[in-house]
C-alpha atoms as a PDB file:
ATOM      1  CA  MET A   1     -12.200  -6.705 -11.887  1.00  0.00           C
ATOM      2  CA  ALA A   2     -10.936  -9.523 -14.272  1.00  0.00           C
ATOM      3  CA  ASP A   3      -9.292  -6.769 -16.475  1.00  0.00           C
ATOM      4  CA  ASP A   4      -7.565  -5.152 -13.426  1.00  0.00           C
ATOM      5  CA  PHE A   5      -6.270  -8.588 -12.305  1.00  0.00           C
ATOM      6  CA  GLU A   6      -4.923  -9.144 -15.928  1.00  0.00           C
ATOM      7  CA  GLN A   7      -3.259  -5.739 -16.121  1.00  0.00           C
ATOM      8  CA  GLY A   8      -1.779  -6.309 -12.590  1.00  0.00           C
ATOM      9  CA  GLY A   9       0.005  -9.567 -13.983  1.00  0.00           C
ATOM     10  CA  SER A  10      -2.401 -12.265 -12.385  1.00  0.00           C
ATOM     11  CA  LYS A  11      -3.572 -14.677 -14.929  1.00  0.00           C
ATOM     12  CA  LEU A  12      -4.907 -16.876 -12.394  1.00  0.00           C
ATOM     13  CA  TYR A  13      -7.308 -14.370 -10.812  1.00  0.00           C
ATOM     14  CA  ALA A  14      -8.219 -12.945 -14.063  1.00  0.00           C
ATOM     15  CA  SER A  15      -9.384 -16.268 -15.354  1.00  0.00           C
ATOM     16  CA  LEU A  16     -11.279 -17.204 -12.240  1.00  0.00           C
ATOM     17  CA  ALA A  17     -12.945 -13.652 -12.026  1.00  0.00           C
ATOM     18  CA  ARG A  18     -14.236 -14.265 -15.511  1.00  0.00           C
ATOM     19  CA  SER A  19     -15.393 -17.753 -14.936  1.00  0.00           C
ATOM     20  CA  LEU A  20     -17.155 -17.074 -11.638  1.00  0.00           C
ATOM     21  CA  ALA A  21     -18.552 -13.510 -12.417  1.00  0.00           C
ATOM     22  CA  ASP A  22     -22.139 -14.933 -12.779  1.00  0.00           C
ATOM     23  CA  ASP A  23     -21.951 -17.696 -10.494  1.00  0.00           C
ATOM     24  CA  PRO A  24     -24.769 -17.978  -7.954  1.00  0.00           C
ATOM     25  CA  VAL A  25     -22.393 -19.512  -5.376  1.00  0.00           C
ATOM     26  CA  VAL A  26     -20.263 -16.310  -5.590  1.00  0.00           C
ATOM     27  CA  ALA A  27     -23.398 -14.152  -5.596  1.00  0.00           C
ATOM     28  CA  GLY A  28     -24.408 -15.817  -2.268  1.00  0.00           C
ATOM     29  CA  LEU A  29     -20.949 -15.275  -0.750  1.00  0.00           C
ATOM     30  CA  VAL A  30     -20.460 -11.532  -1.556  1.00  0.00           C
ATOM     31  CA  ASP A  31     -24.182 -10.780  -1.112  1.00  0.00           C
ATOM     32  CA  HIS A  32     -24.620  -6.954  -1.774  1.00  0.00           C
ATOM     33  CA  HIS A  33     -21.077  -5.857  -0.606  1.00  0.00           C
ATOM     34  CA  GLU A  34     -20.225  -2.358  -1.688  1.00  0.00           C
ATOM     35  CA  PRO A  35     -18.240  -1.198  -3.318  1.00  0.00           C
ATOM     36  CA  ARG A  36     -18.705  -3.887  -5.676  1.00  0.00           C
ATOM     37  CA  TRP A  37     -14.992  -3.832  -6.821  1.00  0.00           C
ATOM     38  CA  GLU A  38     -13.799  -4.929  -3.438  1.00  0.00           C
ATOM     39  CA  ALA A  39     -15.763  -8.297  -3.383  1.00  0.00           C
ATOM     40  CA  PRO A  40     -13.429 -10.258  -5.709  1.00  0.00           C
ATOM     41  CA  LEU A  41     -10.393  -8.989  -3.657  1.00  0.00           C
ATOM     42  CA  ARG A  42     -11.982 -10.072  -0.244  1.00  0.00           C
ATOM     43  CA  LEU A  43     -13.133 -13.452  -1.600  1.00  0.00           C
ATOM     44  CA  PHE A  44      -9.709 -14.473  -3.237  1.00  0.00           C
ATOM     45  CA  GLY A  45      -8.076 -13.120  -0.160  1.00  0.00           C
ATOM     46  CA  GLY A  46     -10.198 -15.386   1.894  1.00  0.00           C
ATOM     47  CA  VAL A  47      -9.547 -18.449  -0.116  1.00  0.00           C
ATOM     48  CA  HIS A  48      -5.662 -17.427  -0.259  1.00  0.00           C
ATOM     49  CA  TYR A  49      -5.898 -17.394   3.808  1.00  0.00           C
ATOM     50  CA  LEU A  50      -7.504 -20.885   3.868  1.00  0.00           C
ATOM     51  CA  GLU A  51      -4.699 -22.122   1.581  1.00  0.00           C
ATOM     52  CA  LEU A  52      -1.887 -20.465   3.606  1.00  0.00           C
ATOM     53  CA  SER A  53      -3.293 -21.693   6.923  1.00  0.00           C
ATOM     54  CA  GLY A  54      -3.355 -25.369   5.627  1.00  0.00           C
ATOM     55  CA  MET A  55      -7.218 -25.500   5.917  1.00  0.00           C
ATOM     56  CA  VAL A  56      -7.316 -26.209   2.225  1.00  0.00           C
ATOM     57  CA  GLN A  57      -4.901 -27.685  -0.226  1.00  0.00           C
ATOM     58  CA  HIS A  58      -4.498 -26.458  -3.652  1.00  0.00           C
ATOM     59  CA  PRO A  59      -7.989 -24.584  -3.907  1.00  0.00           C
ATOM     60  CA  TRP A  60      -7.592 -22.634  -7.178  1.00  0.00           C
ATOM     61  CA  ALA A  61      -8.109 -25.812  -9.535  1.00  0.00           C
ATOM     62  CA  LYS A  62     -11.263 -26.683  -7.578  1.00  0.00           C
ATOM     63  CA  LEU A  63     -12.377 -23.277  -6.385  1.00  0.00           C
ATOM     64  CA  ARG A  64     -15.910 -23.630  -6.845  1.00  0.00           C
ATOM     65  CA  GLY A  65     -16.006 -26.690  -4.601  1.00  0.00           C
ATOM     66  CA  VAL A  66     -13.852 -24.877  -2.015  1.00  0.00           C
ATOM     67  CA  LEU A  67     -16.327 -21.837  -2.026  1.00  0.00           C
ATOM     68  CA  GLU A  68     -19.290 -24.293  -1.438  1.00  0.00           C
ATOM     69  CA  ALA A  69     -17.424 -26.368   1.331  1.00  0.00           C
ATOM     70  CA  ASN A  70     -16.449 -23.249   3.158  1.00  0.00           C
ATOM     71  CA  ARG A  71     -19.463 -20.874   2.387  1.00  0.00           C
ATOM     72  CA  ASP A  72     -20.058 -19.789   6.051  1.00  0.00           C
ATOM     73  CA  TRP A  73     -16.402 -18.929   6.618  1.00  0.00           C
ATOM     74  CA  LEU A  74     -15.879 -17.160   3.359  1.00  0.00           C
ATOM     75  CA  ALA A  75     -19.173 -15.120   3.680  1.00  0.00           C
ATOM     76  CA  ARG A  76     -18.026 -13.925   7.040  1.00  0.00           C
ATOM     77  CA  PHE A  77     -14.461 -12.943   5.701  1.00  0.00           C
ATOM     78  CA  VAL A  78     -15.930 -11.045   2.790  1.00  0.00           C
ATOM     79  CA  ALA A  79     -18.442  -9.200   5.050  1.00  0.00           C
ATOM     80  CA  GLU A  80     -16.026  -8.498   8.076  1.00  0.00           C
ATOM     81  CA  GLN A  81     -12.498  -8.308   6.704  1.00  0.00           C
ATOM     82  CA  PRO A  82     -11.332  -5.066   5.011  1.00  0.00           C
ATOM     83  CA  ILE A  83      -8.731  -5.457   2.351  1.00  0.00           C
ATOM     84  CA  GLN A  84      -5.186  -5.438   3.992  1.00  0.00           C
ATOM     85  CA  THR A  85      -2.570  -4.792   1.293  1.00  0.00           C
ATOM     86  CA  ASN A  86       1.036  -3.923   2.210  1.00  0.00           C
ATOM     87  CA  GLU A  87       2.532  -3.715  -1.240  1.00  0.00           C
ATOM     88  CA  VAL A  88       6.008  -3.351  -0.280  1.00  0.00           C
ATOM     89  CA  GLN A  89       7.146  -2.736  -3.998  1.00  0.00           C
ATOM     90  CA  ARG A  90       5.269   0.541  -3.757  1.00  0.00           C
ATOM     91  CA  CYS A  91       8.165   1.759  -1.555  1.00  0.00           C
ATOM     92  CA  TRP A  92      10.286   1.818  -4.938  1.00  0.00           C
ATOM     93  CA  GLY A  93       7.775   4.261  -6.132  1.00  0.00           C
ATOM     94  CA  LEU A  94       7.723   6.338  -2.994  1.00  0.00           C
ATOM     95  CA  LEU A  95      11.422   6.512  -2.204  1.00  0.00           C
ATOM     96  CA  PRO A  96      12.188   9.191  -4.779  1.00  0.00           C
ATOM     97  CA  ALA A  97       9.333  11.405  -3.103  1.00  0.00           C
ATOM     98  CA  PHE A  98      10.683  10.968   0.258  1.00  0.00           C
ATOM     99  CA  LEU A  99      14.195  12.107  -0.937  1.00  0.00           C
ATOM    100  CA  THR A 100      12.507  15.090  -2.701  1.00  0.00           C
ATOM    101  CA  VAL A 101      11.007  16.459   0.495  1.00  0.00           C
ATOM    102  CA  ALA A 102      13.873  15.677   2.817  1.00  0.00           C
ATOM    103  CA  ASP A 103      15.583  18.870   3.956  1.00  0.00           C
ATOM    104  CA  GLY A 104      18.380  17.546   6.105  1.00  0.00           C
ATOM    105  CA  ARG A 105      16.309  17.389   9.231  1.00  0.00           C
ATOM    106  CA  SER A 106      15.207  13.968  10.903  1.00  0.00           C
ATOM    107  CA  LEU A 107      11.944  12.644   9.550  1.00  0.00           C
ATOM    108  CA  ASP A 108       8.830  11.811  11.453  1.00  0.00           C
ATOM    109  CA  LEU A 109       6.720   9.468   9.377  1.00  0.00           C
ATOM    110  CA  VAL A 110       2.848   9.275   9.464  1.00  0.00           C
ATOM    111  CA  GLU A 111       1.492   6.738   7.064  1.00  0.00           C
ATOM    112  CA  LEU A 112      -2.379   6.750   6.543  1.00  0.00           C
ATOM    113  CA  GLY A 113      -3.789   3.494   5.944  1.00  0.00           C
ATOM    114  CA  PRO A 114      -0.534   1.446   6.707  1.00  0.00           C
ATOM    115  CA  SER A 115      -2.216  -2.012   7.264  1.00  0.00           C
ATOM    116  CA  GLY A 116       0.714  -3.813   8.978  1.00  0.00           C
ATOM    117  CA  GLY A 117       3.146  -0.897   8.667  1.00  0.00           C
ATOM    118  CA  LEU A 118       5.688  -2.625   6.378  1.00  0.00           C
ATOM    119  CA  ASN A 119       5.980   0.461   4.155  1.00  0.00           C
ATOM    120  CA  LEU A 120       6.914   2.456   7.257  1.00  0.00           C
ATOM    121  CA  TYR A 121      10.420   0.953   6.952  1.00  0.00           C
ATOM    122  CA  TRP A 122      11.152   2.093   3.321  1.00  0.00           C
ATOM    123  CA  ASP A 123      14.526   3.288   4.605  1.00  0.00           C
ATOM    124  CA  ARG A 124      15.572  -0.009   5.570  1.00  0.00           C
ATOM    125  CA  TYR A 125      15.402  -1.574   2.076  1.00  0.00           C
ATOM    126  CA  ALA A 126      17.693  -1.381  -0.894  1.00  0.00           C
ATOM    127  CA  TYR A 127      16.666   0.089  -4.327  1.00  0.00           C
ATOM    128  CA  ARG A 128      17.652  -0.042  -7.849  1.00  0.00           C
ATOM    129  CA  TYR A 129      16.613   2.393 -10.680  1.00  0.00           C
ATOM    130  CA  GLY A 130      18.570   1.306 -13.708  1.00  0.00           C
ATOM    131  CA  GLU A 131      22.172   1.609 -13.034  1.00  0.00           C
ATOM    132  CA  GLU A 132      21.583   3.886 -10.029  1.00  0.00           C
ATOM    133  CA  ARG A 133      21.110   2.461  -6.327  1.00  0.00           C
ATOM    134  CA  TRP A 134      20.029   3.698  -2.991  1.00  0.00           C
ATOM    135  CA  GLY A 135      20.282   2.252   0.506  1.00  0.00           C
ATOM    136  CA  ASP A 136      22.416  -0.550   2.151  1.00  0.00           C
ATOM    137  CA  ARG A 137      23.048  -3.258  -0.230  1.00  0.00           C
ATOM    138  CA  SER A 138      23.143  -5.772   2.591  1.00  0.00           C
ATOM    139  CA  ALA A 139      19.589  -5.103   3.504  1.00  0.00           C
ATOM    140  CA  GLY A 140      17.202  -8.023   3.752  1.00  0.00           C
ATOM    141  CA  LEU A 141      15.073  -6.756   0.787  1.00  0.00           C
ATOM    142  CA  GLU A 142      15.941  -5.055  -2.601  1.00  0.00           C
ATOM    143  CA  LEU A 143      13.371  -3.272  -4.491  1.00  0.00           C
ATOM    144  CA  SER A 144      13.590  -2.511  -8.539  1.00  0.00           C
ATOM    145  CA  GLY A 145      11.478  -1.883 -11.416  1.00  0.00           C
ATOM    146  CA  ARG A 146      11.294  -0.507 -14.901  1.00  0.00           C
ATOM    147  CA  VAL A 147      11.879   3.336 -15.019  1.00  0.00           C
ATOM    148  CA  GLU A 148      11.753   5.809 -17.813  1.00  0.00           C
ATOM    149  CA  GLY A 149      13.573   9.337 -17.454  1.00  0.00           C
ATOM    150  CA  GLY A 150      14.656   9.334 -13.959  1.00  0.00           C
ATOM    151  CA  PRO A 151      14.871   9.853 -11.053  1.00  0.00           C
ATOM    152  CA  PRO A 152      17.852  12.081 -11.179  1.00  0.00           C
ATOM    153  CA  ALA A 153      21.125  10.491 -10.093  1.00  0.00           C
ATOM    154  CA  ASP A 154      21.816  13.436  -7.653  1.00  0.00           C
ATOM    155  CA  LEU A 155      18.498  12.731  -5.916  1.00  0.00           C
ATOM    156  CA  LEU A 156      19.446   9.185  -5.240  1.00  0.00           C
ATOM    157  CA  ARG A 157      22.668  10.695  -3.509  1.00  0.00           C
ATOM    158  CA  LYS A 158      20.658  12.050  -0.730  1.00  0.00           C
ATOM    159  CA  GLU A 159      20.642  10.465   2.779  1.00  0.00           C
ATOM    160  CA  VAL A 160      17.904  10.600   5.224  1.00  0.00           C
ATOM    161  CA  GLU A 161      17.356   9.640   8.860  1.00  0.00           C
ATOM    162  CA  VAL A 162      14.061   8.497  10.029  1.00  0.00           C
ATOM    163  CA  ARG A 163      13.337   9.212  13.767  1.00  0.00           C
ATOM    164  CA  ARG A 164       9.715   8.072  14.289  1.00  0.00           C
ATOM    165  CA  ARG A 165       7.320   6.012  12.585  1.00  0.00           C
ATOM    166  CA  ILE A 166       3.387   6.157  13.049  1.00  0.00           C
ATOM    167  CA  GLY A 167       0.678   4.604  11.123  1.00  0.00           C
ATOM    168  CA  ILE A 168      -3.171   5.086  11.341  1.00  0.00           C
ATOM    169  CA  ASP A 169      -5.614   2.297  10.259  1.00  0.00           C
ATOM    170  CA  ARG A 170      -8.929   1.397  11.159  1.00  0.00           C
ATOM    171  CA  ARG A 171      -7.946  -2.186  11.371  1.00  0.00           C
ATOM    172  CA  PRO A 172      -4.171  -2.356  11.921  1.00  0.00           C
ATOM    173  CA  VAL A 173      -2.486  -5.634  11.501  1.00  0.00           C
ATOM    174  CA  ASP A 174      -0.023  -6.843  14.002  1.00  0.00           C
ATOM    175  CA  VAL A 175       2.684  -8.530  11.921  1.00  0.00           C
ATOM    176  CA  THR A 176       4.370 -10.074  15.003  1.00  0.00           C
ATOM    177  CA  THR A 177       1.462 -12.709  15.159  1.00  0.00           C
ATOM    178  CA  ASP A 178       1.028 -15.628  12.704  1.00  0.00           C
ATOM    179  CA  HIS A 179      -2.573 -14.487  11.915  1.00  0.00           C
ATOM    180  CA  GLY A 180      -1.381 -10.778  11.126  1.00  0.00           C
ATOM    181  CA  ALA A 181       1.439 -12.087   8.879  1.00  0.00           C
ATOM    182  CA  ARG A 182      -0.775 -14.652   7.197  1.00  0.00           C
ATOM    183  CA  LEU A 183      -3.389 -11.828   6.493  1.00  0.00           C
ATOM    184  CA  LEU A 184      -0.954  -9.699   4.765  1.00  0.00           C
ATOM    185  CA  GLU A 185       0.015 -12.769   2.600  1.00  0.00           C
ATOM    186  CA  ALA A 186      -3.478 -13.633   1.869  1.00  0.00           C
ATOM    187  CA  PHE A 187      -4.213 -10.422   0.151  1.00  0.00           C
ATOM    188  CA  VAL A 188      -1.116 -10.815  -2.281  1.00  0.00           C
ATOM    189  CA  TRP A 189      -2.586 -12.467  -5.406  1.00  0.00           C
ATOM    190  CA  ALA A 190      -1.731 -16.103  -5.043  1.00  0.00           C
ATOM    191  CA  ASP A 191       0.127 -16.706  -8.248  1.00  0.00           C
ATOM    192  CA  GLN A 192       2.476 -13.855  -7.774  1.00  0.00           C
ATOM    193  CA  THR A 193       5.255 -15.528  -5.778  1.00  0.00           C
ATOM    194  CA  ASP A 194       7.781 -12.566  -6.121  1.00  0.00           C
ATOM    195  CA  ARG A 195       5.252 -10.314  -4.241  1.00  0.00           C
ATOM    196  CA  LEU A 196       4.771 -13.006  -1.557  1.00  0.00           C
ATOM    197  CA  ASP A 197       8.590 -13.163  -1.117  1.00  0.00           C
ATOM    198  CA  ARG A 198       8.795  -9.415  -0.604  1.00  0.00           C
ATOM    199  CA  VAL A 199       6.089  -9.134   1.918  1.00  0.00           C
ATOM    200  CA  ARG A 200       7.731 -12.047   3.945  1.00  0.00           C
ATOM    201  CA  SER A 201      11.073 -10.426   3.775  1.00  0.00           C
ATOM    202  CA  ALA A 202       9.577  -7.140   4.845  1.00  0.00           C
ATOM    203  CA  ILE A 203       7.619  -8.696   7.842  1.00  0.00           C
ATOM    204  CA  GLU A 204      10.853 -10.090   9.168  1.00  0.00           C
ATOM    205  CA  ILE A 205      12.362  -6.558   9.027  1.00  0.00           C
ATOM    206  CA  ALA A 206       9.299  -5.104  10.676  1.00  0.00           C
ATOM    207  CA  ARG A 207       9.279  -7.767  13.489  1.00  0.00           C
ATOM    208  CA  GLN A 208      12.744  -6.627  14.591  1.00  0.00           C
ATOM    209  CA  ASP A 209      11.376  -3.165  15.633  1.00  0.00           C
ATOM    210  CA  PRO A 210       7.482  -3.346  15.423  1.00  0.00           C
ATOM    211  CA  PRO A 211       5.986   0.075  14.255  1.00  0.00           C
ATOM    212  CA  ARG A 212       3.409   2.011  16.276  1.00  0.00           C
ATOM    213  CA  LEU A 213       0.014   1.704  14.715  1.00  0.00           C
ATOM    214  CA  LEU A 214      -2.961   3.843  15.920  1.00  0.00           C
ATOM    215  CA  ASP A 215      -6.434   2.189  15.651  1.00  0.00           C
ATOM    216  CA  GLY A 216      -8.872   4.709  14.084  1.00  0.00           C
ATOM    217  CA  ASP A 217     -10.152   6.650  11.213  1.00  0.00           C
ATOM    218  CA  TYR A 218      -7.194   8.573   9.965  1.00  0.00           C
ATOM    219  CA  VAL A 219      -9.199  11.601   8.868  1.00  0.00           C
ATOM    220  CA  GLU A 220     -10.418  11.880  12.477  1.00  0.00           C
ATOM    221  CA  VAL A 221      -7.181  10.875  14.302  1.00  0.00           C
ATOM    222  CA  LEU A 222      -4.718  13.059  12.076  1.00  0.00           C
ATOM    223  CA  PRO A 223      -5.489  16.591  13.397  1.00  0.00           C
ATOM    224  CA  ALA A 224      -4.481  15.854  17.011  1.00  0.00           C
ATOM    225  CA  LEU A 225      -1.414  13.835  15.907  1.00  0.00           C
ATOM    226  CA  LEU A 226      -0.295  16.700  13.835  1.00  0.00           C
ATOM    227  CA  ALA A 227      -0.991  19.239  16.453  1.00  0.00           C
ATOM    228  CA  GLU A 228       1.621  17.517  18.645  1.00  0.00           C
ATOM    229  CA  ARG A 229       4.464  17.258  16.113  1.00  0.00           C
ATOM    230  CA  ASP A 230       7.850  18.459  16.616  1.00  0.00           C
ATOM    231  CA  LEU A 231       8.517  21.485  14.370  1.00  0.00           C
ATOM    232  CA  ASP A 232      12.267  20.832  14.747  1.00  0.00           C
ATOM    233  CA  ALA A 233      11.896  17.695  12.686  1.00  0.00           C
ATOM    234  CA  LEU A 234       9.994  17.313   9.262  1.00  0.00           C
ATOM    235  CA  THR A 235       6.866  15.376   9.472  1.00  0.00           C
ATOM    236  CA  VAL A 236       6.034  13.492   6.317  1.00  0.00           C
ATOM    237  CA  VAL A 237       2.458  12.366   5.914  1.00  0.00           C
ATOM    238  CA  TYR A 238       1.942   9.847   3.121  1.00  0.00           C
ATOM    239  CA  HIS A 239      -0.454   7.373   1.751  1.00  0.00           C
ATOM    240  CA  SER A 240      -0.406   4.974  -1.163  1.00  0.00           C
ATOM    241  CA  VAL A 241      -3.529   3.632  -2.796  1.00  0.00           C
ATOM    242  CA  SER A 242      -5.309   4.483   0.533  1.00  0.00           C
ATOM    243  CA  THR A 243      -7.643   7.531  -0.283  1.00  0.00           C
ATOM    244  CA  VAL A 244      -9.574   5.293  -2.900  1.00  0.00           C
ATOM    245  CA  TYR A 245     -11.461   3.915   0.097  1.00  0.00           C
ATOM    246  CA  LEU A 246     -12.624   7.279   1.204  1.00  0.00           C
ATOM    247  CA  GLN A 247     -15.729   9.133   0.357  1.00  0.00           C
ATOM    248  CA  GLN A 248     -15.171  12.456  -1.596  1.00  0.00           C
ATOM    249  CA  ALA A 249     -16.040  14.425   1.511  1.00  0.00           C
ATOM    250  CA  GLU A 250     -13.434  12.639   3.522  1.00  0.00           C
ATOM    251  CA  ARG A 251     -10.711  13.315   0.786  1.00  0.00           C
ATOM    252  CA  GLU A 252     -11.595  16.957   0.882  1.00  0.00           C
ATOM    253  CA  ARG A 253     -11.500  17.010   4.667  1.00  0.00           C
ATOM    254  CA  LEU A 254      -8.108  15.398   4.601  1.00  0.00           C
ATOM    255  CA  ASP A 255      -6.843  18.098   2.095  1.00  0.00           C
ATOM    256  CA  GLU A 256      -8.176  20.856   4.462  1.00  0.00           C
ATOM    257  CA  ILE A 257      -6.460  19.343   7.514  1.00  0.00           C
ATOM    258  CA  LEU A 258      -3.116  19.153   5.732  1.00  0.00           C
ATOM    259  CA  ALA A 259      -3.280  22.529   4.304  1.00  0.00           C
ATOM    260  CA  GLU A 260      -4.170  23.976   7.612  1.00  0.00           C
ATOM    261  CA  GLU A 261      -1.409  22.304   9.450  1.00  0.00           C
ATOM    262  CA  GLY A 262       1.164  22.891   6.619  1.00  0.00           C
ATOM    263  CA  ARG A 263       0.805  26.568   7.322  1.00  0.00           C
ATOM    264  CA  ARG A 264       2.467  25.984  10.675  1.00  0.00           C
ATOM    265  CA  GLY A 265       5.444  24.547   8.703  1.00  0.00           C
ATOM    266  CA  SER A 266       7.478  21.458   9.189  1.00  0.00           C
ATOM    267  CA  LEU A 267       5.178  19.314   7.114  1.00  0.00           C
ATOM    268  CA  ALA A 268       5.341  17.481   3.772  1.00  0.00           C
ATOM    269  CA  ARG A 269       2.779  15.253   2.088  1.00  0.00           C
ATOM    270  CA  ILE A 270       3.364  12.412  -0.365  1.00  0.00           C
ATOM    271  CA  SER A 271       0.526  10.860  -2.354  1.00  0.00           C
ATOM    272  CA  TYR A 272       0.649   7.879  -4.453  1.00  0.00           C
ATOM    273  CA  GLU A 273      -2.903   7.627  -5.519  1.00  0.00           C
ATOM    274  CA  VAL A 274      -5.095   7.046  -8.572  1.00  0.00           C
ATOM    275  CA  ASP A 275      -4.516   9.676 -11.391  1.00  0.00           C
ATOM    276  CA  ARG A 276      -8.056  10.947 -11.838  1.00  0.00           C
ATOM    277  CA  ASP A 277      -7.023  13.668 -14.274  1.00  0.00           C
ATOM    278  CA  THR A 278      -4.968  12.061 -16.956  1.00  0.00           C
ATOM    279  CA  PRO A 279      -5.822   8.287 -16.824  1.00  0.00           C
ATOM    280  CA  THR A 280      -2.900   6.337 -18.764  1.00  0.00           C
ATOM    281  CA  PHE A 281      -1.339   3.049 -18.842  1.00  0.00           C
ATOM    282  CA  TYR A 282       0.431   4.036 -15.647  1.00  0.00           C
ATOM    283  CA  GLY A 283      -2.990   4.977 -13.927  1.00  0.00           C
ATOM    284  CA  PHE A 284      -1.373   6.349 -10.644  1.00  0.00           C
ATOM    285  CA  ALA A 285       0.326   9.633  -9.877  1.00  0.00           C
ATOM    286  CA  LEU A 286       3.151  10.294  -7.384  1.00  0.00           C
ATOM    287  CA  ASP A 287       2.757  13.840  -5.950  1.00  0.00           C
ATOM    288  CA  VAL A 288       4.544  15.850  -3.285  1.00  0.00           C
ATOM    289  CA  GLU A 289       3.323  18.729  -1.403  1.00  0.00           C
ATOM    290  CA  THR A 290       5.240  21.159   0.864  1.00  0.00           C
ATOM    291  CA  TRP A 291       4.497  24.248   2.663  1.00  0.00           C
ATOM    292  CA  PRO A 292       5.821  26.605   1.313  1.00  0.00           C
ATOM    293  CA  GLY A 293       6.432  25.278  -2.137  1.00  0.00           C
ATOM    294  CA  GLY A 294       2.998  23.783  -3.212  1.00  0.00           C
ATOM    295  CA  ARG A 295       2.296  20.745  -4.989  1.00  0.00           C
ATOM    296  CA  ARG A 296       4.030  19.053  -7.798  1.00  0.00           C
ATOM    297  CA  ARG A 297       4.056  15.726  -9.723  1.00  0.00           C
ATOM    298  CA  LEU A 298       7.135  13.642  -9.750  1.00  0.00           C
ATOM    299  CA  ALA A 299       6.077  10.568 -11.631  1.00  0.00           C
ATOM    300  CA  ARG A 300       3.408   8.170 -12.853  1.00  0.00           C
ATOM    301  CA  LEU A 301       3.253   4.689 -11.995  1.00  0.00           C
ATOM    302  CA  ASP A 302       1.195   1.450 -12.182  1.00  0.00           C
ATOM    303  CA  GLY A 303      -0.687   0.357  -9.093  1.00  0.00           C
ATOM    304  CA  HIS A 304       1.998  -2.146  -7.740  1.00  0.00           C
ATOM    305  CA  ALA A 305       4.982   0.184  -8.618  1.00  0.00           C
ATOM    306  CA  ASN A 306       6.517  -2.100 -11.175  1.00  0.00           C
ATOM    307  CA  THR A 307       7.058   0.693 -13.660  1.00  0.00           C
ATOM    308  CA  MET A 308       7.678   4.426 -13.240  1.00  0.00           C
ATOM    309  CA  GLU A 309       7.657   7.270 -15.784  1.00  0.00           C
ATOM    310  CA  TRP A 310       9.353  10.244 -14.254  1.00  0.00           C
ATOM    311  CA  ALA A 311       7.592  13.426 -14.872  1.00  0.00           C
ATOM    312  CA  ALA A 312       9.491  16.180 -12.700  1.00  0.00           C
END
């Protein structure tokens, strides 16, 4: 995971992951947690939570001592608290996909694995792609990144109206509470202050109109939700770095559900997930699927949507 932290821009977490990789104190805290790659994210998230709550001051320079002093609390956090990441910057990657599938009708959004639901408010943020812009410039949050080859300027001229926002998560986070907001902040890597600022700005936007978040396994809940959808609107099901937490059989079942419902029409799917076919520096693929129309690739991105290579 140290390599992933480094590639993701966190020198702090990369250094700590390497120095503690074989530490017996860490081994005792993470026990036999599976999948193994989650353990550093959960452990560092727990330490960051302690820091944000004021329970520990400046923990990173004295991390081993902090781990020992808070052993029981951190062991429970690692064992019981799923990773809750609302990487708001991913909306910068998702926006061109929403504009691509939009067909003039109102959009009903269904996000799979939304955590606190901050990415359900993508239409309330402002965006920059090189010289091109989209959204209200007076929005409380503007997102930008490095882009190559697109998206097309005419695509960014499209307007959309979002009518409904629903998310399905096994452990949804209530961002209207101090604990919920702190939990989302805790899973932001502690030395990435820009990411923290984005999350905090998005939390304030979400608190003005809290989303509807359903508690459950989205593979199980989704069929009934789609069966009740309004065919006069366009329902957009989307997920970003969420299906990585599913088993292969669950991913296949999700594909089946969407294909079956897609045949009834008024449905689109947006996927921002690990590119398993052509791994590159970007590592993640932005795909859209419509019925009829099929599936196509729009772009390749890094995991946090700081860079985009347009492919459509």
